[in-house]
Amino acid sequence: GRNKVTGVTRDDSSVQLTVETPDGP
């Protein structure tokens, strides 16, 4: 909980996520 996705990048083999939390990203 309280893990907010704020960034998404992707390539052919994976997806990269930036996740914001009460302790920072």
PDB file of all heavy atoms in Angstrom:
ATOM      1  N   GLY A   1       0.810  -1.198   0.000  1.00  0.00           N
ATOM      2  CA  GLY A   1       0.000   0.000   0.000  1.00  0.00           C
ATOM      3  C   GLY A   1       0.843   1.247   0.000  1.00  0.00           C
ATOM      4  O   GLY A   1       2.015   1.238   0.397  1.00  0.00           O
ATOM      5  N   ARG A   2       0.238   2.342  -0.452  1.00  0.00           N
ATOM      6  CA  ARG A   2       0.880   3.656  -0.552  1.00  0.00           C
ATOM      7  C   ARG A   2       2.169   3.563  -1.353  1.00  0.00           C
ATOM      8  O   ARG A   2       3.179   4.187  -1.035  1.00  0.00           O
ATOM      9  CB  ARG A   2       1.092   4.251   0.834  1.00  0.00           C
ATOM     10  CG  ARG A   2      -0.220   4.448   1.610  1.00  0.00           C
ATOM     11  CD  ARG A   2      -0.002   5.081   2.943  1.00  0.00           C
ATOM     12  NE  ARG A   2       0.420   6.487   2.803  1.00  0.00           N
ATOM     13  CZ  ARG A   2       0.839   7.234   3.824  1.00  0.00           C
ATOM     14  NH1 ARG A   2       0.889   6.716   5.041  1.00  0.00           N
ATOM     15  NH2 ARG A   2       1.191   8.495   3.624  1.00  0.00           N
ATOM     16  N   ASN A   3       2.117   2.765  -2.415  1.00  0.00           N
ATOM     17  CA  ASN A   3       3.185   2.651  -3.401  1.00  0.00           C
ATOM     18  C   ASN A   3       2.621   3.141  -4.721  1.00  0.00           C
ATOM     19  O   ASN A   3       1.938   2.401  -5.432  1.00  0.00           O
ATOM     20  CB  ASN A   3       3.663   1.201  -3.528  1.00  0.00           C
ATOM     21  CG  ASN A   3       4.721   0.823  -2.514  1.00  0.00           C
ATOM     22  OD1 ASN A   3       5.831   0.441  -2.859  1.00  0.00           O
ATOM     23  ND2 ASN A   3       4.372   0.927  -1.242  1.00  0.00           N
ATOM     24  N   LYS A   4       2.878   4.385  -5.047  1.00  0.00           N
ATOM     25  CA  LYS A   4       2.296   5.033  -6.220  1.00  0.00           C
ATOM     26  C   LYS A   4       3.289   5.023  -7.377  1.00  0.00           C
ATOM     27  O   LYS A   4       4.410   5.537  -7.250  1.00  0.00           O
ATOM     28  CB  LYS A   4       1.913   6.464  -5.880  1.00  0.00           C
ATOM     29  CG  LYS A   4       1.269   7.221  -7.030  1.00  0.00           C
ATOM     30  CD  LYS A   4       0.896   8.638  -6.603  1.00  0.00           C
ATOM     31  CE  LYS A   4       0.240   9.398  -7.755  1.00  0.00           C
ATOM     32  NZ  LYS A   4      -0.137  10.776  -7.336  1.00  0.00           N
ATOM     33  N   VAL A   5       2.893   4.452  -8.496  1.00  0.00           N
ATOM     34  CA  VAL A   5       3.752   4.423  -9.675  1.00  0.00           C
ATOM     35  C   VAL A   5       3.739   5.804 -10.327  1.00  0.00           C
ATOM     36  O   VAL A   5       2.682   6.321 -10.697  1.00  0.00           O
ATOM     37  CB  VAL A   5       3.290   3.344 -10.672  1.00  0.00           C
ATOM     38  CG1 VAL A   5       4.136   3.398 -11.936  1.00  0.00           C
ATOM     39  CG2 VAL A   5       3.392   1.965 -10.032  1.00  0.00           C
ATOM     40  N   THR A   6       4.922   6.392 -10.467  1.00  0.00           N
ATOM     41  CA  THR A   6       5.037   7.736 -11.040  1.00  0.00           C
ATOM     42  C   THR A   6       5.866   7.758 -12.323  1.00  0.00           C
ATOM     43  O   THR A   6       5.996   8.808 -12.953  1.00  0.00           O
ATOM     44  CB  THR A   6       5.659   8.700 -10.022  1.00  0.00           C
ATOM     45  OG1 THR A   6       6.932   8.190  -9.596  1.00  0.00           O
ATOM     46  CG2 THR A   6       4.749   8.881  -8.810  1.00  0.00           C
ATOM     47  N   GLY A   7       6.434   6.620 -12.694  1.00  0.00           N
ATOM     48  CA  GLY A   7       7.218   6.572 -13.920  1.00  0.00           C
ATOM     49  C   GLY A   7       7.221   5.176 -14.504  1.00  0.00           C
ATOM     50  O   GLY A   7       7.269   4.189 -13.762  1.00  0.00           O
ATOM     51  N   VAL A   8       7.135   5.073 -15.821  1.00  0.00           N
ATOM     52  CA  VAL A   8       7.160   3.793 -16.524  1.00  0.00           C
ATOM     53  C   VAL A   8       8.045   3.927 -17.762  1.00  0.00           C
ATOM     54  O   VAL A   8       7.837   4.835 -18.578  1.00  0.00           O
ATOM     55  CB  VAL A   8       5.752   3.340 -16.967  1.00  0.00           C
ATOM     56  CG1 VAL A   8       5.829   2.018 -17.723  1.00  0.00           C
ATOM     57  CG2 VAL A   8       4.815   3.219 -15.787  1.00  0.00           C
ATOM     58  N   THR A   9       9.025   3.065 -17.878  1.00  0.00           N
ATOM     59  CA  THR A   9       9.779   2.914 -19.125  1.00  0.00           C
ATOM     60  C   THR A   9       9.834   1.424 -19.431  1.00  0.00           C
ATOM     61  O   THR A   9       9.650   0.588 -18.540  1.00  0.00           O
ATOM     62  CB  THR A   9      11.206   3.489 -19.016  1.00  0.00           C
ATOM     63  OG1 THR A   9      11.909   2.822 -17.943  1.00  0.00           O
ATOM     64  CG2 THR A   9      11.179   4.987 -18.751  1.00  0.00           C
ATOM     65  N   ARG A  10      10.091   1.093 -20.679  1.00  0.00           N
ATOM     66  CA  ARG A  10      10.076  -0.319 -21.049  1.00  0.00           C
ATOM     67  C   ARG A  10      10.991  -0.557 -22.229  1.00  0.00           C
ATOM     68  O   ARG A  10      11.304   0.360 -23.000  1.00  0.00           O
ATOM     69  CB  ARG A  10       8.649  -0.774 -21.380  1.00  0.00           C
ATOM     70  CG  ARG A  10       8.000  -0.016 -22.521  1.00  0.00           C
ATOM     71  CD  ARG A  10       6.494  -0.228 -22.579  1.00  0.00           C
ATOM     72  NE  ARG A  10       5.868   0.629 -23.580  1.00  0.00           N
ATOM     73  CZ  ARG A  10       5.538   0.243 -24.807  1.00  0.00           C
ATOM     74  NH1 ARG A  10       5.765  -1.007 -25.190  1.00  0.00           N
ATOM     75  NH2 ARG A  10       4.984   1.081 -25.653  1.00  0.00           N
ATOM     76  N   ASP A  11      11.406  -1.813 -22.331  1.00  0.00           N
ATOM     77  CA  ASP A  11      12.145  -2.264 -23.504  1.00  0.00           C
ATOM     78  C   ASP A  11      11.606  -3.640 -23.883  1.00  0.00           C
ATOM     79  O   ASP A  11      10.552  -4.049 -23.397  1.00  0.00           O
ATOM     80  CB  ASP A  11      13.660  -2.276 -23.235  1.00  0.00           C
ATOM     81  CG  ASP A  11      14.033  -3.074 -21.978  1.00  0.00           C
ATOM     82  OD1 ASP A  11      13.385  -4.133 -21.731  1.00  0.00           O
ATOM     83  OD2 ASP A  11      14.959  -2.669 -21.261  1.00  0.00           O
ATOM     84  N   ASP A  12      12.318  -4.344 -24.729  1.00  0.00           N
ATOM     85  CA  ASP A  12      11.804  -5.616 -25.219  1.00  0.00           C
ATOM     86  C   ASP A  12      11.794  -6.711 -24.161  1.00  0.00           C
ATOM     87  O   ASP A  12      11.098  -7.719 -24.328  1.00  0.00           O
ATOM     88  CB  ASP A  12      12.643  -6.098 -26.416  1.00  0.00           C
ATOM     89  CG  ASP A  12      12.432  -5.231 -27.646  1.00  0.00           C
ATOM     90  OD1 ASP A  12      11.404  -4.524 -27.695  1.00  0.00           O
ATOM     91  OD2 ASP A  12      13.303  -5.255 -28.542  1.00  0.00           O
ATOM     92  N   SER A  13      12.540  -6.542 -23.086  1.00  0.00           N
ATOM     93  CA  SER A  13      12.670  -7.630 -22.108  1.00  0.00           C
ATOM     94  C   SER A  13      12.147  -7.298 -20.721  1.00  0.00           C
ATOM     95  O   SER A  13      12.042  -8.192 -19.879  1.00  0.00           O
ATOM     96  CB  SER A  13      14.140  -8.047 -21.991  1.00  0.00           C
ATOM     97  OG  SER A  13      14.937  -6.958 -21.525  1.00  0.00           O
ATOM     98  N   SER A  14      11.795  -6.036 -20.436  1.00  0.00           N
ATOM     99  CA  SER A  14      11.358  -5.706 -19.083  1.00  0.00           C
ATOM    100  C   SER A  14      10.628  -4.370 -19.068  1.00  0.00           C
ATOM    101  O   SER A  14      10.622  -3.622 -20.049  1.00  0.00           O
ATOM    102  CB  SER A  14      12.547  -5.652 -18.118  1.00  0.00           C
ATOM    103  OG  SER A  14      13.399  -4.558 -18.433  1.00  0.00           O
ATOM    104  N   VAL A  15      10.049  -4.078 -17.906  1.00  0.00           N
ATOM    105  CA  VAL A  15       9.400  -2.798 -17.637  1.00  0.00           C
ATOM    106  C   VAL A  15      10.044  -2.221 -16.383  1.00  0.00           C
ATOM    107  O   VAL A  15      10.228  -2.934 -15.388  1.00  0.00           O
ATOM    108  CB  VAL A  15       7.884  -2.963 -17.426  1.00  0.00           C
ATOM    109  CG1 VAL A  15       7.214  -1.606 -17.249  1.00  0.00           C
ATOM    110  CG2 VAL A  15       7.250  -3.736 -18.576  1.00  0.00           C
ATOM    111  N   GLN A  16      10.382  -0.939 -16.425  1.00  0.00           N
ATOM    112  CA  GLN A  16      10.994  -0.280 -15.282  1.00  0.00           C
ATOM    113  C   GLN A  16       9.993   0.706 -14.679  1.00  0.00           C
ATOM    114  O   GLN A  16       9.368   1.498 -15.406  1.00  0.00           O
ATOM    115  CB  GLN A  16      12.273   0.466 -15.685  1.00  0.00           C
ATOM    116  CG  GLN A  16      13.338  -0.416 -16.337  1.00  0.00           C
ATOM    117  CD  GLN A  16      13.072  -0.667 -17.818  1.00  0.00           C
ATOM    118  OE1 GLN A  16      12.713   0.260 -18.559  1.00  0.00           O
ATOM    119  NE2 GLN A  16      13.223  -1.909 -18.253  1.00  0.00           N
ATOM    120  N   LEU A  17       9.845   0.662 -13.358  1.00  0.00           N
ATOM    121  CA  LEU A  17       8.871   1.493 -12.659  1.00  0.00           C
ATOM    122  C   LEU A  17       9.567   2.386 -11.643  1.00  0.00           C
ATOM    123  O   LEU A  17      10.469   1.936 -10.926  1.00  0.00           O
ATOM    124  CB  LEU A  17       7.845   0.633 -11.914  1.00  0.00           C
ATOM    125  CG  LEU A  17       7.017  -0.370 -12.721  1.00  0.00           C
ATOM    126  CD1 LEU A  17       6.083  -1.129 -11.788  1.00  0.00           C
ATOM    127  CD2 LEU A  17       6.230   0.334 -13.802  1.00  0.00           C
ATOM    128  N   THR A  18       9.130   3.629 -11.561  1.00  0.00           N
ATOM    129  CA  THR A  18       9.468   4.507 -10.442  1.00  0.00           C
ATOM    130  C   THR A  18       8.270   4.523  -9.508  1.00  0.00           C
ATOM    131  O   THR A  18       7.135   4.759  -9.951  1.00  0.00           O
ATOM    132  CB  THR A  18       9.780   5.928 -10.924  1.00  0.00           C
ATOM    133  OG1 THR A  18      10.852   5.884 -11.857  1.00  0.00           O
ATOM    134  CG2 THR A  18      10.172   6.817  -9.751  1.00  0.00           C
ATOM    135  N   VAL A  19       8.515   4.261  -8.225  1.00  0.00           N
ATOM    136  CA  VAL A  19       7.432   4.119  -7.253  1.00  0.00           C
ATOM    137  C   VAL A  19       7.649   5.105  -6.109  1.00  0.00           C
ATOM    138  O   VAL A  19       8.711   5.110  -5.480  1.00  0.00           O
ATOM    139  CB  VAL A  19       7.377   2.675  -6.698  1.00  0.00           C
ATOM    140  CG1 VAL A  19       6.183   2.522  -5.763  1.00  0.00           C
ATOM    141  CG2 VAL A  19       7.298   1.665  -7.836  1.00  0.00           C
ATOM    142  N   GLU A  20       6.647   5.931  -5.853  1.00  0.00           N
ATOM    143  CA  GLU A  20       6.715   6.912  -4.775  1.00  0.00           C
ATOM    144  C   GLU A  20       6.081   6.322  -3.520  1.00  0.00           C
ATOM    145  O   GLU A  20       5.016   5.690  -3.585  1.00  0.00           O
ATOM    146  CB  GLU A  20       5.980   8.189  -5.175  1.00  0.00           C
ATOM    147  CG  GLU A  20       6.147   9.330  -4.189  1.00  0.00           C
ATOM    148  CD  GLU A  20       7.584   9.829  -4.103  1.00  0.00           C
ATOM    149  OE1 GLU A  20       8.212  10.061  -5.160  1.00  0.00           O
ATOM    150  OE2 GLU A  20       8.093   9.973  -2.966  1.00  0.00           O
ATOM    151  N   THR A  21       6.738   6.505  -2.361  1.00  0.00           N
ATOM    152  CA  THR A  21       6.250   5.995  -1.081  1.00  0.00           C
ATOM    153  C   THR A  21       6.397   7.081  -0.017  1.00  0.00           C
ATOM    154  O   THR A  21       7.036   8.111  -0.268  1.00  0.00           O
ATOM    155  CB  THR A  21       7.048   4.754  -0.639  1.00  0.00           C
ATOM    156  OG1 THR A  21       8.329   5.164  -0.147  1.00  0.00           O
ATOM    157  CG2 THR A  21       7.214   3.758  -1.775  1.00  0.00           C
ATOM    158  N   PRO A  22       5.846   6.876   1.187  1.00  0.00           N
ATOM    159  CA  PRO A  22       6.070   7.842   2.267  1.00  0.00           C
ATOM    160  C   PRO A  22       7.546   8.010   2.617  1.00  0.00           C
ATOM    161  O   PRO A  22       7.925   9.036   3.206  1.00  0.00           O
ATOM    162  CB  PRO A  22       5.289   7.234   3.440  1.00  0.00           C
ATOM    163  CG  PRO A  22       4.195   6.461   2.784  1.00  0.00           C
ATOM    164  CD  PRO A  22       4.828   5.866   1.559  1.00  0.00           C
ATOM    165  N   ASP A  23       8.387   7.035   2.273  1.00  0.00           N
ATOM    166  CA  ASP A  23       9.829   7.135   2.529  1.00  0.00           C
ATOM    167  C   ASP A  23      10.609   7.618   1.314  1.00  0.00           C
ATOM    168  O   ASP A  23      11.841   7.580   1.312  1.00  0.00           O
ATOM    169  CB  ASP A  23      10.382   5.767   2.956  1.00  0.00           C
ATOM    170  CG  ASP A  23       9.928   5.368   4.348  1.00  0.00           C
ATOM    171  OD1 ASP A  23       9.672   6.282   5.166  1.00  0.00           O
ATOM    172  OD2 ASP A  23       9.822   4.159   4.617  1.00  0.00           O
ATOM    173  N   GLY A  24       9.899   8.060   0.284  1.00  0.00           N
ATOM    174  CA  GLY A  24      10.580   8.517  -0.910  1.00  0.00           C
ATOM    175  C   GLY A  24      10.481   7.507  -2.037  1.00  0.00           C
ATOM    176  O   GLY A  24       9.920   6.417  -1.888  1.00  0.00           O
ATOM    177  N   PRO A  25      11.047   7.840  -3.199  1.00  0.00           N
ATOM    178  CA  PRO A  25      10.910   6.976  -4.369  1.00  0.00           C
ATOM    179  C   PRO A  25      11.909   5.830  -4.382  1.00  0.00           C
ATOM    180  O   PRO A  25      12.962   5.889  -3.749  1.00  0.00           O
ATOM    181  CB  PRO A  25      11.170   7.934  -5.530  1.00  0.00           C
ATOM    182  CG  PRO A  25      12.118   8.946  -4.955  1.00  0.00           C
ATOM    183  CD  PRO A  25      11.723   9.108  -3.521  1.00  0.00           C
TER     184      PRO A  25
END
